Amino acid sequence: MANDPINDFSVALNGIVQTVGTLVQQLVELVNIGINAVGGAIEPLVKTAGQLVEPLVKSTSDLACKVSTTVTPVFQGKPNVTPKA
């Protein structure tokens, strides 16, 4: 009978440790689910943004090419040269 309080304490402590372990495991799972959800939501947005920016970059590049074709003869002393379309 002298060991009953010690056994009760060890059983209670064991239960607390198991509960804390389960809570930590579930917290890790929730964080993983959250990270996957955010990644899944961001991926289509990044893809769409890339598709929207691509034509803008191409048109800016074309414009820069046309400007350089037009301006270069002026700096070379040939102002009456018309650029090719």
C-alpha atoms as a PDB file:
ATOM      1  CA  MET A   1       0.000   0.000   0.000  1.00  0.00           C
ATOM      2  CA  ALA A   2       2.937   2.308   0.458  1.00  0.00           C
ATOM      3  CA  ASN A   3       3.593   2.393  -3.322  1.00  0.00           C
ATOM      4  CA  ASP A   4       0.029   3.333  -4.402  1.00  0.00           C
ATOM      5  CA  PRO A   5       0.600   7.124  -4.497  1.00  0.00           C
ATOM      6  CA  ILE A   6       3.808   6.619  -6.521  1.00  0.00           C
ATOM      7  CA  ASN A   7       2.020   4.328  -8.988  1.00  0.00           C
ATOM      8  CA  ASP A   8      -0.864   6.786  -9.328  1.00  0.00           C
ATOM      9  CA  PHE A   9       1.578   9.609  -9.961  1.00  0.00           C
ATOM     10  CA  SER A  10       3.494   7.631 -12.586  1.00  0.00           C
ATOM     11  CA  VAL A  11       0.249   6.649 -14.347  1.00  0.00           C
ATOM     12  CA  ALA A  12      -0.914  10.279 -14.366  1.00  0.00           C
ATOM     13  CA  LEU A  13       2.487  11.488 -15.592  1.00  0.00           C
ATOM     14  CA  ASN A  14       2.504   8.860 -18.331  1.00  0.00           C
ATOM     15  CA  GLY A  15      -0.967  10.004 -19.466  1.00  0.00           C
ATOM     16  CA  ILE A  16       0.136  13.643 -19.565  1.00  0.00           C
ATOM     17  CA  VAL A  17       3.258  12.796 -21.581  1.00  0.00           C
ATOM     18  CA  GLN A  18       1.224  10.780 -24.084  1.00  0.00           C
ATOM     19  CA  THR A  19      -1.331  13.598 -24.409  1.00  0.00           C
ATOM     20  CA  VAL A  20       1.373  16.213 -24.984  1.00  0.00           C
ATOM     21  CA  GLY A  21       3.028  13.963 -27.568  1.00  0.00           C
ATOM     22  CA  THR A  22      -0.248  13.523 -29.423  1.00  0.00           C
ATOM     23  CA  LEU A  23      -0.914  17.267 -29.372  1.00  0.00           C
ATOM     24  CA  VAL A  24       2.552  18.044 -30.756  1.00  0.00           C
ATOM     25  CA  GLN A  25       2.115  15.464 -33.511  1.00  0.00           C
ATOM     26  CA  GLN A  26      -1.252  16.940 -34.504  1.00  0.00           C
ATOM     27  CA  LEU A  27       0.207  20.447 -34.470  1.00  0.00           C
ATOM     28  CA  VAL A  28       2.974  19.354 -36.860  1.00  0.00           C
ATOM     29  CA  GLU A  29       0.371  17.784 -39.148  1.00  0.00           C
ATOM     30  CA  LEU A  30      -1.698  20.996 -39.122  1.00  0.00           C
ATOM     31  CA  VAL A  31       1.351  23.079 -40.024  1.00  0.00           C
ATOM     32  CA  ASN A  32       2.153  20.711 -42.903  1.00  0.00           C
ATOM     33  CA  ILE A  33      -1.418  20.906 -44.174  1.00  0.00           C
ATOM     34  CA  GLY A  34      -1.299  24.712 -43.957  1.00  0.00           C
ATOM     35  CA  ILE A  35       1.972  24.902 -45.874  1.00  0.00           C
ATOM     36  CA  ASN A  36       0.613  22.609 -48.595  1.00  0.00           C
ATOM     37  CA  ALA A  37      -2.600  24.641 -48.853  1.00  0.00           C
ATOM     38  CA  VAL A  38      -0.721  27.927 -49.201  1.00  0.00           C
ATOM     39  CA  GLY A  39       1.616  26.400 -51.778  1.00  0.00           C
ATOM     40  CA  GLY A  40      -1.318  25.031 -53.734  1.00  0.00           C
ATOM     41  CA  ALA A  41      -3.007  28.446 -53.728  1.00  0.00           C
ATOM     42  CA  ILE A  42       0.106  30.385 -54.736  1.00  0.00           C
ATOM     43  CA  GLU A  43       1.178  28.112 -57.597  1.00  0.00           C
ATOM     44  CA  PRO A  44      -1.693  29.029 -59.992  1.00  0.00           C
ATOM     45  CA  LEU A  45      -1.291  32.715 -59.144  1.00  0.00           C
ATOM     46  CA  VAL A  46       2.403  32.665 -60.028  1.00  0.00           C
ATOM     47  CA  LYS A  47       1.684  30.789 -63.255  1.00  0.00           C
ATOM     48  CA  THR A  48      -1.027  33.286 -64.241  1.00  0.00           C
ATOM     49  CA  ALA A  49       1.194  36.242 -63.401  1.00  0.00           C
ATOM     50  CA  GLY A  50       3.910  34.788 -65.606  1.00  0.00           C
ATOM     51  CA  GLN A  51       1.473  34.389 -68.470  1.00  0.00           C
ATOM     52  CA  LEU A  52       0.315  37.999 -68.041  1.00  0.00           C
ATOM     53  CA  VAL A  53       3.823  39.459 -67.892  1.00  0.00           C
ATOM     54  CA  GLU A  54       5.245  37.518 -70.847  1.00  0.00           C
ATOM     55  CA  PRO A  55       3.438  39.533 -73.608  1.00  0.00           C
ATOM     56  CA  LEU A  56       4.304  42.779 -71.834  1.00  0.00           C
ATOM     57  CA  VAL A  57       7.998  41.899 -71.811  1.00  0.00           C
ATOM     58  CA  LYS A  58       7.859  40.902 -75.475  1.00  0.00           C
ATOM     59  CA  SER A  59       6.136  44.132 -76.545  1.00  0.00           C
ATOM     60  CA  THR A  60       8.586  46.211 -74.488  1.00  0.00           C
ATOM     61  CA  SER A  61      11.474  44.386 -76.133  1.00  0.00           C
ATOM     62  CA  ASP A  62       9.995  44.994 -79.602  1.00  0.00           C
ATOM     63  CA  LEU A  63       9.498  48.674 -78.799  1.00  0.00           C
ATOM     64  CA  ALA A  64      13.105  49.024 -77.594  1.00  0.00           C
ATOM     65  CA  CYS A  65      14.322  47.397 -80.805  1.00  0.00           C
ATOM     66  CA  LYS A  66      12.264  49.795 -82.966  1.00  0.00           C
ATOM     67  CA  VAL A  67      13.455  52.818 -80.991  1.00  0.00           C
ATOM     68  CA  SER A  68      17.098  51.800 -81.315  1.00  0.00           C
ATOM     69  CA  THR A  69      16.628  51.188 -85.064  1.00  0.00           C
ATOM     70  CA  THR A  70      15.128  54.658 -85.434  1.00  0.00           C
ATOM     71  CA  VAL A  71      17.543  56.544 -83.176  1.00  0.00           C
ATOM     72  CA  THR A  72      20.820  54.950 -84.295  1.00  0.00           C
ATOM     73  CA  PRO A  73      20.862  56.571 -87.781  1.00  0.00           C
ATOM     74  CA  VAL A  74      20.244  59.977 -86.190  1.00  0.00           C
ATOM     75  CA  PHE A  75      23.380  59.604 -84.078  1.00  0.00           C
ATOM     76  CA  GLN A  76      25.283  58.421 -87.145  1.00  0.00           C
ATOM     77  CA  GLY A  77      24.340  61.601 -89.021  1.00  0.00           C
ATOM     78  CA  LYS A  78      21.709  60.041 -91.288  1.00  0.00           C
ATOM     79  CA  PRO A  79      18.447  61.711 -90.163  1.00  0.00           C
ATOM     80  CA  ASN A  80      16.441  60.979 -93.352  1.00  0.00           C
ATOM     81  CA  VAL A  81      16.553  57.188 -92.994  1.00  0.00           C
ATOM     82  CA  THR A  82      13.143  55.594 -92.464  1.00  0.00           C
ATOM     83  CA  PRO A  83      12.982  52.495 -90.239  1.00  0.00           C
ATOM     84  CA  LYS A  84      11.859  49.179 -91.687  1.00  0.00           C
ATOM     85  CA  ALA A  85       8.579  47.816 -90.322  1.00  0.00           C
END
